[in-house]
N, C-alpha and C. Protein backbone atom coordinates (compact mmCIF):
# COMPACT_ATOMS: atom_id res chain seq x y z
N MET A 1 0.82 -1.18 0.00
CA MET A 1 0.00 0.00 0.00
C MET A 1 0.87 1.25 0.00
N ASN A 2 2.02 1.19 0.66
CA ASN A 2 2.94 2.32 0.68
C ASN A 2 3.32 2.79 -0.70
N SER A 3 3.51 1.86 -1.61
CA SER A 3 3.93 2.21 -2.96
C SER A 3 2.74 2.62 -3.82
N GLY A 4 1.53 2.56 -3.26
CA GLY A 4 0.34 2.91 -4.03
C GLY A 4 -0.13 1.78 -4.91
N ARG A 5 0.44 0.59 -4.73
CA ARG A 5 0.06 -0.55 -5.56
C ARG A 5 -0.70 -1.58 -4.74
N PHE A 6 -1.93 -1.76 -5.10
CA PHE A 6 -2.73 -2.85 -4.56
C PHE A 6 -3.84 -3.10 -5.57
N ASP A 7 -4.27 -4.33 -5.64
CA ASP A 7 -5.28 -4.69 -6.63
C ASP A 7 -6.66 -4.25 -6.18
N LEU A 8 -7.36 -3.62 -7.10
CA LEU A 8 -8.75 -3.28 -6.87
C LEU A 8 -9.57 -4.07 -7.87
N ARG A 9 -10.58 -4.72 -7.40
CA ARG A 9 -11.50 -5.47 -8.27
C ARG A 9 -12.82 -4.72 -8.31
N LYS A 10 -12.84 -3.70 -9.16
CA LYS A 10 -14.01 -2.83 -9.23
C LYS A 10 -15.14 -3.46 -10.04
N LYS A 11 -16.33 -3.22 -9.54
CA LYS A 11 -17.55 -3.60 -10.23
C LYS A 11 -18.66 -2.71 -9.67
N PRO A 12 -19.78 -2.59 -10.34
CA PRO A 12 -20.87 -1.78 -9.78
C PRO A 12 -21.39 -2.40 -8.49
N ILE A 13 -21.45 -1.60 -7.44
CA ILE A 13 -21.99 -2.09 -6.16
C ILE A 13 -23.04 -1.10 -5.65
N ALA A 14 -24.01 -1.65 -4.94
CA ALA A 14 -25.04 -0.84 -4.30
C ALA A 14 -24.51 -0.42 -2.93
N ILE A 15 -24.15 0.84 -2.82
CA ILE A 15 -23.54 1.33 -1.58
C ILE A 15 -24.48 1.20 -0.39
N GLU A 16 -25.79 1.34 -0.62
CA GLU A 16 -26.72 1.25 0.51
C GLU A 16 -26.73 -0.16 1.10
N ASN A 17 -26.56 -1.19 0.26
CA ASN A 17 -26.48 -2.56 0.78
C ASN A 17 -25.18 -2.78 1.55
N LEU A 18 -24.09 -2.26 1.02
CA LEU A 18 -22.80 -2.40 1.69
C LEU A 18 -22.85 -1.74 3.07
N ILE A 19 -23.40 -0.54 3.13
CA ILE A 19 -23.48 0.17 4.40
C ILE A 19 -24.43 -0.55 5.36
N GLY A 20 -25.57 -1.00 4.86
CA GLY A 20 -26.51 -1.74 5.71
C GLY A 20 -25.89 -2.99 6.31
N ASN A 21 -25.14 -3.73 5.52
CA ASN A 21 -24.46 -4.93 6.02
C ASN A 21 -23.40 -4.57 7.05
N ALA A 22 -22.68 -3.50 6.80
CA ALA A 22 -21.66 -3.07 7.76
C ALA A 22 -22.30 -2.69 9.10
N ILE A 23 -23.38 -1.93 9.03
CA ILE A 23 -24.07 -1.52 10.26
C ILE A 23 -24.53 -2.76 11.04
N GLN A 24 -25.12 -3.71 10.36
CA GLN A 24 -25.58 -4.93 11.04
C GLN A 24 -24.44 -5.62 11.78
N SER A 25 -23.26 -5.62 11.18
CA SER A 25 -22.14 -6.31 11.81
C SER A 25 -21.62 -5.58 13.05
N PHE A 26 -22.02 -4.32 13.25
CA PHE A 26 -21.57 -3.56 14.41
C PHE A 26 -22.63 -3.39 15.49
N TYR A 27 -23.83 -3.91 15.27
CA TYR A 27 -24.89 -3.76 16.27
C TYR A 27 -24.49 -4.35 17.63
N ALA A 28 -23.90 -5.50 17.65
CA ALA A 28 -23.55 -6.14 18.92
C ALA A 28 -22.51 -5.31 19.68
N ALA A 29 -21.48 -4.86 18.98
CA ALA A 29 -20.43 -4.05 19.64
C ALA A 29 -21.02 -2.74 20.15
N ALA A 30 -21.89 -2.14 19.36
CA ALA A 30 -22.52 -0.88 19.78
C ALA A 30 -23.42 -1.14 21.00
N ASN A 31 -24.18 -2.21 20.95
CA ASN A 31 -25.06 -2.56 22.07
C ASN A 31 -24.25 -2.79 23.35
N ASP A 32 -23.11 -3.47 23.23
CA ASP A 32 -22.24 -3.72 24.39
C ASP A 32 -21.77 -2.42 25.04
N ARG A 33 -21.63 -1.38 24.24
CA ARG A 33 -21.17 -0.08 24.74
C ARG A 33 -22.33 0.89 24.99
N ASN A 34 -23.58 0.39 24.85
CA ASN A 34 -24.78 1.21 25.03
C ASN A 34 -24.78 2.40 24.06
N VAL A 35 -24.45 2.11 22.81
CA VAL A 35 -24.42 3.11 21.75
C VAL A 35 -25.44 2.70 20.69
N THR A 36 -26.16 3.67 20.16
CA THR A 36 -27.16 3.43 19.13
C THR A 36 -26.61 3.82 17.76
N ILE A 37 -26.80 2.96 16.77
CA ILE A 37 -26.41 3.29 15.40
C ILE A 37 -27.69 3.60 14.62
N ARG A 38 -27.73 4.80 14.04
CA ARG A 38 -28.86 5.22 13.22
C ARG A 38 -28.42 5.26 11.75
N GLU A 39 -29.32 4.89 10.89
CA GLU A 39 -29.04 4.80 9.46
C GLU A 39 -29.88 5.84 8.72
N GLU A 40 -29.21 6.68 7.90
CA GLU A 40 -29.91 7.67 7.09
C GLU A 40 -29.42 7.52 5.65
N ILE A 41 -29.99 6.55 4.96
CA ILE A 41 -29.55 6.22 3.61
C ILE A 41 -30.61 6.69 2.61
N GLN A 42 -30.19 7.55 1.70
CA GLN A 42 -31.10 8.02 0.66
C GLN A 42 -31.54 6.84 -0.20
N ALA A 43 -32.81 6.82 -0.56
CA ALA A 43 -33.33 5.74 -1.41
C ALA A 43 -32.82 5.89 -2.84
N ASN A 44 -32.68 4.76 -3.51
CA ASN A 44 -32.34 4.71 -4.93
C ASN A 44 -31.03 5.40 -5.29
N LEU A 45 -30.02 5.21 -4.46
CA LEU A 45 -28.71 5.76 -4.80
C LEU A 45 -28.15 5.02 -6.01
N PRO A 46 -27.43 5.74 -6.88
CA PRO A 46 -26.79 5.02 -7.99
C PRO A 46 -25.68 4.12 -7.46
N ASP A 47 -25.37 3.09 -8.23
CA ASP A 47 -24.24 2.22 -7.87
C ASP A 47 -22.94 3.00 -7.95
N VAL A 48 -21.94 2.49 -7.24
CA VAL A 48 -20.58 3.01 -7.37
C VAL A 48 -19.72 1.92 -7.99
N GLU A 49 -18.76 2.34 -8.79
CA GLU A 49 -17.79 1.41 -9.39
C GLU A 49 -16.68 1.25 -8.37
N ALA A 50 -16.68 0.14 -7.66
CA ALA A 50 -15.76 0.02 -6.53
C ALA A 50 -15.42 -1.43 -6.25
N ASP A 51 -14.35 -1.60 -5.52
CA ASP A 51 -13.98 -2.88 -4.96
C ASP A 51 -14.77 -3.01 -3.66
N GLU A 52 -15.75 -3.87 -3.66
CA GLU A 52 -16.67 -3.99 -2.52
C GLU A 52 -15.94 -4.29 -1.22
N THR A 53 -14.96 -5.17 -1.27
CA THR A 53 -14.21 -5.54 -0.06
C THR A 53 -13.46 -4.34 0.50
N ARG A 54 -12.85 -3.56 -0.38
CA ARG A 54 -12.05 -2.41 0.07
C ARG A 54 -12.93 -1.28 0.61
N ILE A 55 -14.05 -1.00 -0.04
CA ILE A 55 -14.92 0.06 0.46
C ILE A 55 -15.60 -0.40 1.75
N ARG A 56 -15.90 -1.66 1.85
CA ARG A 56 -16.45 -2.18 3.11
C ARG A 56 -15.41 -2.02 4.23
N GLN A 57 -14.13 -2.21 3.90
CA GLN A 57 -13.06 -2.01 4.87
C GLN A 57 -13.06 -0.56 5.39
N VAL A 58 -13.29 0.39 4.50
CA VAL A 58 -13.35 1.80 4.90
C VAL A 58 -14.53 2.03 5.84
N VAL A 59 -15.71 1.57 5.46
CA VAL A 59 -16.91 1.77 6.28
C VAL A 59 -16.74 1.07 7.63
N ASP A 60 -16.21 -0.15 7.62
CA ASP A 60 -15.98 -0.87 8.88
C ASP A 60 -15.02 -0.11 9.78
N ASN A 61 -13.97 0.44 9.21
CA ASN A 61 -13.01 1.17 10.02
C ASN A 61 -13.64 2.41 10.65
N LEU A 62 -14.41 3.16 9.87
CA LEU A 62 -15.04 4.36 10.41
C LEU A 62 -16.08 4.01 11.48
N LEU A 63 -16.83 2.93 11.24
CA LEU A 63 -17.80 2.49 12.25
C LEU A 63 -17.11 1.99 13.51
N SER A 64 -16.05 1.24 13.36
CA SER A 64 -15.30 0.74 14.50
C SER A 64 -14.80 1.89 15.37
N ASN A 65 -14.21 2.89 14.73
CA ASN A 65 -13.74 4.06 15.48
C ASN A 65 -14.89 4.77 16.17
N ALA A 66 -16.01 4.94 15.47
CA ALA A 66 -17.16 5.63 16.06
C ALA A 66 -17.67 4.88 17.28
N VAL A 67 -17.75 3.56 17.20
CA VAL A 67 -18.20 2.76 18.34
C VAL A 67 -17.20 2.88 19.50
N LYS A 68 -15.91 2.75 19.19
CA LYS A 68 -14.88 2.81 20.24
C LYS A 68 -14.86 4.14 20.97
N PHE A 69 -15.07 5.23 20.24
CA PHE A 69 -14.88 6.55 20.83
C PHE A 69 -16.19 7.25 21.21
N SER A 70 -17.32 6.56 21.08
CA SER A 70 -18.60 7.14 21.49
C SER A 70 -18.84 6.88 22.96
N PRO A 71 -19.41 7.85 23.66
CA PRO A 71 -19.73 7.64 25.07
C PRO A 71 -20.95 6.74 25.22
N ALA A 72 -21.06 6.08 26.34
CA ALA A 72 -22.25 5.27 26.63
C ALA A 72 -23.47 6.16 26.51
N GLY A 73 -24.50 5.63 25.86
CA GLY A 73 -25.72 6.38 25.63
C GLY A 73 -25.66 7.25 24.39
N GLY A 74 -24.54 7.25 23.69
CA GLY A 74 -24.37 8.09 22.51
C GLY A 74 -25.00 7.49 21.26
N ASP A 75 -25.08 8.32 20.25
CA ASP A 75 -25.61 7.92 18.95
C ASP A 75 -24.53 8.03 17.89
N ILE A 76 -24.58 7.11 16.94
CA ILE A 76 -23.76 7.17 15.74
C ILE A 76 -24.73 7.24 14.58
N THR A 77 -24.48 8.15 13.65
CA THR A 77 -25.31 8.25 12.46
C THR A 77 -24.46 7.88 11.26
N VAL A 78 -24.97 6.94 10.48
CA VAL A 78 -24.32 6.56 9.23
C VAL A 78 -25.27 6.98 8.12
N ALA A 79 -24.79 7.84 7.24
CA ALA A 79 -25.64 8.40 6.19
C ALA A 79 -24.99 8.24 4.83
N ALA A 80 -25.82 8.18 3.81
CA ALA A 80 -25.34 8.16 2.43
C ALA A 80 -26.35 8.90 1.58
N SER A 81 -25.84 9.74 0.68
CA SER A 81 -26.72 10.52 -0.19
C SER A 81 -25.99 10.87 -1.48
N LEU A 82 -26.77 11.27 -2.46
CA LEU A 82 -26.21 11.75 -3.71
C LEU A 82 -26.06 13.26 -3.59
N THR A 83 -24.82 13.73 -3.71
CA THR A 83 -24.50 15.14 -3.55
C THR A 83 -23.60 15.57 -4.70
N ASN A 84 -24.06 16.53 -5.51
CA ASN A 84 -23.27 17.01 -6.65
C ASN A 84 -22.78 15.86 -7.52
N ASN A 85 -23.67 14.93 -7.80
CA ASN A 85 -23.38 13.76 -8.65
C ASN A 85 -22.27 12.87 -8.10
N GLU A 86 -22.11 12.86 -6.79
CA GLU A 86 -21.19 11.93 -6.13
C GLU A 86 -21.92 11.34 -4.93
N ILE A 87 -21.48 10.15 -4.54
CA ILE A 87 -22.06 9.51 -3.37
C ILE A 87 -21.28 9.98 -2.14
N LEU A 88 -22.00 10.61 -1.22
CA LEU A 88 -21.41 11.07 0.04
C LEU A 88 -21.79 10.10 1.13
N VAL A 89 -20.78 9.54 1.81
CA VAL A 89 -21.00 8.66 2.95
C VAL A 89 -20.46 9.40 4.18
N ARG A 90 -21.24 9.36 5.25
CA ARG A 90 -20.90 10.11 6.45
C ARG A 90 -21.08 9.22 7.68
N VAL A 91 -20.09 9.19 8.57
CA VAL A 91 -20.18 8.48 9.84
C VAL A 91 -19.92 9.51 10.93
N GLN A 92 -20.97 9.76 11.72
CA GLN A 92 -20.92 10.82 12.72
C GLN A 92 -21.09 10.22 14.11
N ASP A 93 -20.23 10.65 15.04
CA ASP A 93 -20.34 10.16 16.42
C ASP A 93 -20.49 11.35 17.37
N GLN A 94 -20.71 11.03 18.63
CA GLN A 94 -20.85 12.04 19.68
C GLN A 94 -19.71 11.94 20.67
N GLY A 95 -18.56 11.49 20.19
CA GLY A 95 -17.38 11.35 21.04
C GLY A 95 -16.81 12.69 21.46
N GLU A 96 -15.62 12.65 22.01
CA GLU A 96 -15.02 13.88 22.53
C GLU A 96 -14.47 14.80 21.45
N GLY A 97 -14.45 14.33 20.21
CA GLY A 97 -13.94 15.15 19.12
C GLY A 97 -12.43 15.07 19.00
N ILE A 98 -11.91 15.68 17.97
CA ILE A 98 -10.48 15.62 17.67
C ILE A 98 -9.91 17.02 17.77
N PRO A 99 -8.84 17.20 18.54
CA PRO A 99 -8.26 18.53 18.71
C PRO A 99 -7.77 19.11 17.38
N ASP A 100 -7.82 20.42 17.27
CA ASP A 100 -7.40 21.09 16.03
C ASP A 100 -6.00 20.69 15.59
N GLU A 101 -5.07 20.57 16.55
CA GLU A 101 -3.68 20.25 16.19
C GLU A 101 -3.53 18.83 15.63
N ALA A 102 -4.52 17.98 15.84
CA ALA A 102 -4.45 16.61 15.34
C ALA A 102 -5.12 16.44 13.98
N LYS A 103 -5.99 17.37 13.61
CA LYS A 103 -6.78 17.20 12.38
C LYS A 103 -5.93 17.06 11.13
N ASP A 104 -4.84 17.81 11.04
CA ASP A 104 -3.99 17.73 9.85
C ASP A 104 -3.21 16.43 9.76
N HIS A 105 -3.17 15.67 10.84
CA HIS A 105 -2.35 14.45 10.89
C HIS A 105 -3.17 13.17 10.98
N ILE A 106 -4.47 13.29 11.14
CA ILE A 106 -5.31 12.14 11.48
C ILE A 106 -5.27 11.03 10.44
N PHE A 107 -4.97 11.35 9.17
CA PHE A 107 -4.92 10.33 8.12
C PHE A 107 -3.49 9.85 7.84
N GLU A 108 -2.54 10.21 8.70
CA GLU A 108 -1.15 9.77 8.53
C GLU A 108 -0.96 8.40 9.17
N ARG A 109 0.02 7.66 8.65
CA ARG A 109 0.33 6.35 9.20
C ARG A 109 0.75 6.45 10.66
N PHE A 110 0.24 5.55 11.46
CA PHE A 110 0.58 5.38 12.88
C PHE A 110 0.20 6.57 13.76
N TYR A 111 -0.55 7.53 13.21
CA TYR A 111 -0.91 8.69 14.02
C TYR A 111 -2.15 8.38 14.85
N ARG A 112 -2.08 8.76 16.11
CA ARG A 112 -3.24 8.66 17.00
C ARG A 112 -3.32 9.94 17.79
N ALA A 113 -4.44 10.62 17.71
CA ALA A 113 -4.63 11.85 18.48
C ALA A 113 -4.51 11.50 19.96
N ASP A 114 -3.86 12.33 20.72
CA ASP A 114 -3.65 12.05 22.13
C ASP A 114 -4.85 12.52 22.95
N SER A 115 -5.47 11.58 23.61
CA SER A 115 -6.56 11.90 24.54
C SER A 115 -6.67 10.75 25.52
N SER A 116 -7.46 10.95 26.54
CA SER A 116 -7.63 9.88 27.52
C SER A 116 -8.24 8.65 26.86
N LEU A 117 -9.12 8.84 25.87
CA LEU A 117 -9.75 7.70 25.20
C LEU A 117 -8.77 6.94 24.32
N THR A 118 -7.92 7.66 23.58
CA THR A 118 -7.00 6.96 22.68
C THR A 118 -5.95 6.21 23.47
N ARG A 119 -5.57 6.72 24.63
CA ARG A 119 -4.58 6.02 25.44
C ARG A 119 -5.15 4.71 25.97
N GLU A 120 -6.47 4.65 26.16
CA GLU A 120 -7.11 3.45 26.70
C GLU A 120 -7.57 2.49 25.61
N THR A 121 -7.51 2.91 24.35
CA THR A 121 -8.06 2.13 23.24
C THR A 121 -6.94 1.48 22.44
N ILE A 122 -7.11 0.20 22.17
CA ILE A 122 -6.13 -0.54 21.39
C ILE A 122 -6.30 -0.21 19.91
N GLY A 123 -5.19 -0.04 19.22
CA GLY A 123 -5.23 0.21 17.78
C GLY A 123 -3.84 0.47 17.27
N THR A 124 -3.68 0.35 15.96
CA THR A 124 -2.35 0.51 15.36
C THR A 124 -2.10 1.91 14.84
N GLY A 125 -3.14 2.70 14.66
CA GLY A 125 -2.96 4.00 14.03
C GLY A 125 -2.86 3.90 12.52
N LEU A 126 -3.31 2.79 11.95
CA LEU A 126 -3.26 2.60 10.50
C LEU A 126 -4.63 2.69 9.83
N GLY A 127 -5.69 2.55 10.57
CA GLY A 127 -7.02 2.46 9.98
C GLY A 127 -7.40 3.64 9.12
N LEU A 128 -7.20 4.85 9.62
CA LEU A 128 -7.58 6.03 8.84
C LEU A 128 -6.63 6.25 7.67
N TYR A 129 -5.36 5.92 7.86
CA TYR A 129 -4.40 6.00 6.76
C TYR A 129 -4.82 5.06 5.62
N ILE A 130 -5.13 3.84 5.96
CA ILE A 130 -5.55 2.85 4.96
C ILE A 130 -6.86 3.30 4.30
N SER A 131 -7.79 3.80 5.10
CA SER A 131 -9.06 4.28 4.56
C SER A 131 -8.83 5.38 3.53
N LYS A 132 -7.95 6.30 3.83
CA LYS A 132 -7.66 7.39 2.89
C LYS A 132 -7.07 6.85 1.59
N GLN A 133 -6.13 5.91 1.71
CA GLN A 133 -5.51 5.32 0.51
C GLN A 133 -6.56 4.62 -0.35
N LEU A 134 -7.46 3.90 0.29
CA LEU A 134 -8.48 3.16 -0.45
C LEU A 134 -9.50 4.09 -1.12
N VAL A 135 -9.95 5.10 -0.41
CA VAL A 135 -10.91 6.04 -1.00
C VAL A 135 -10.27 6.76 -2.18
N GLU A 136 -9.05 7.21 -2.02
CA GLU A 136 -8.37 7.91 -3.11
C GLU A 136 -8.10 6.99 -4.30
N ALA A 137 -7.87 5.72 -4.06
CA ALA A 137 -7.67 4.76 -5.15
C ALA A 137 -8.96 4.56 -5.94
N HIS A 138 -10.08 4.94 -5.37
CA HIS A 138 -11.39 4.87 -6.04
C HIS A 138 -11.79 6.24 -6.61
N ASP A 139 -10.81 7.12 -6.76
CA ASP A 139 -11.05 8.48 -7.26
C ASP A 139 -11.99 9.26 -6.36
N GLY A 140 -11.90 8.98 -5.07
CA GLY A 140 -12.74 9.67 -4.10
C GLY A 140 -11.93 10.58 -3.21
N LYS A 141 -12.61 11.11 -2.21
CA LYS A 141 -12.01 12.05 -1.26
C LYS A 141 -12.55 11.71 0.12
N ILE A 142 -11.70 11.81 1.15
CA ILE A 142 -12.12 11.56 2.53
C ILE A 142 -11.65 12.74 3.39
N TRP A 143 -12.49 13.13 4.34
CA TRP A 143 -12.12 14.23 5.22
C TRP A 143 -12.86 14.12 6.54
N LEU A 144 -12.44 14.98 7.46
CA LEU A 144 -12.95 14.98 8.83
C LEU A 144 -13.53 16.33 9.16
N ASP A 145 -14.67 16.33 9.85
CA ASP A 145 -15.23 17.51 10.49
C ASP A 145 -15.32 17.16 11.97
N SER A 146 -14.68 17.95 12.83
CA SER A 146 -14.70 17.62 14.24
C SER A 146 -14.42 18.87 15.08
N ALA A 147 -14.98 18.89 16.26
CA ALA A 147 -14.71 19.94 17.24
C ALA A 147 -14.71 19.28 18.61
N LEU A 148 -13.83 19.75 19.47
CA LEU A 148 -13.75 19.19 20.82
C LEU A 148 -15.11 19.26 21.51
N ASN A 149 -15.45 18.18 22.17
CA ASN A 149 -16.71 18.02 22.91
C ASN A 149 -17.95 18.09 22.02
N GLN A 150 -17.77 17.93 20.70
CA GLN A 150 -18.91 17.95 19.79
C GLN A 150 -18.89 16.76 18.83
N GLY A 151 -18.00 15.82 19.04
CA GLY A 151 -17.97 14.63 18.21
C GLY A 151 -17.20 14.83 16.92
N SER A 152 -17.23 13.81 16.10
CA SER A 152 -16.51 13.80 14.83
C SER A 152 -17.41 13.25 13.74
N THR A 153 -17.21 13.77 12.54
CA THR A 153 -17.89 13.26 11.37
C THR A 153 -16.83 12.97 10.31
N PHE A 154 -16.73 11.71 9.93
CA PHE A 154 -15.84 11.32 8.83
C PHE A 154 -16.71 11.18 7.59
N ASN A 155 -16.28 11.84 6.53
CA ASN A 155 -17.01 11.88 5.27
C ASN A 155 -16.14 11.32 4.16
N PHE A 156 -16.76 10.63 3.21
CA PHE A 156 -16.03 10.33 1.99
C PHE A 156 -16.96 10.36 0.80
N LEU A 157 -16.39 10.76 -0.33
CA LEU A 157 -17.11 10.86 -1.59
C LEU A 157 -16.60 9.80 -2.55
N LEU A 158 -17.51 9.19 -3.29
CA LEU A 158 -17.17 8.26 -4.35
C LEU A 158 -17.97 8.63 -5.60
N PRO A 159 -17.34 8.53 -6.77
CA PRO A 159 -18.12 8.79 -7.99
C PRO A 159 -19.07 7.63 -8.26
N PRO A 160 -20.25 7.93 -8.79
CA PRO A 160 -21.16 6.84 -9.18
C PRO A 160 -20.64 6.12 -10.41
N THR A 161 -21.18 4.94 -10.66
CA THR A 161 -20.84 4.19 -11.85
C THR A 161 -21.17 5.02 -13.07
N LYS A 162 -20.24 5.06 -14.01
CA LYS A 162 -20.48 5.80 -15.25
C LYS A 162 -21.48 5.01 -16.10
N THR A 163 -22.45 5.70 -16.63
CA THR A 163 -23.43 5.06 -17.49
C THR A 163 -23.25 5.58 -18.90
N GLY A 164 -23.50 4.73 -19.85
CA GLY A 164 -23.34 5.11 -21.25
C GLY A 164 -21.87 5.20 -21.62
N SER A 165 -21.57 5.65 -22.84
CA SER A 165 -20.18 5.83 -23.23
C SER A 165 -19.99 7.00 -24.15
């Protein structure tokens, strides 16, 4: 992945199904932490030309982080919509948020924002780095919106499957 070389097996996929399956796989972990996952998926989204396994890896990583860093009783919202002819996927939590000084580094390899929660949470610091590489390999974009004590929202855009020629 460092060299930018990894195989992608792209095909048209229904992003709403991928997200729905990912959410289902996290219900137990969220329930164990007394966290609710809400789904806001726009109906009839166009397919995306993507490697289903790799994009699922991105969604799983964002959901995993949201579950780990959400307070008990918190909500996570997973949304997908068509915005400016691109598919926007959003994972929003009610965690403690990410400090301004960490935002520019959050997608770097081995980077972990320093907080009481990250010190107590197991992880390699590679998940967001890998997610960024995978989204960009799909001609997409990933970014963070976050403020201390207001949670974090990780967003990524993917182009829809091209139709016609």
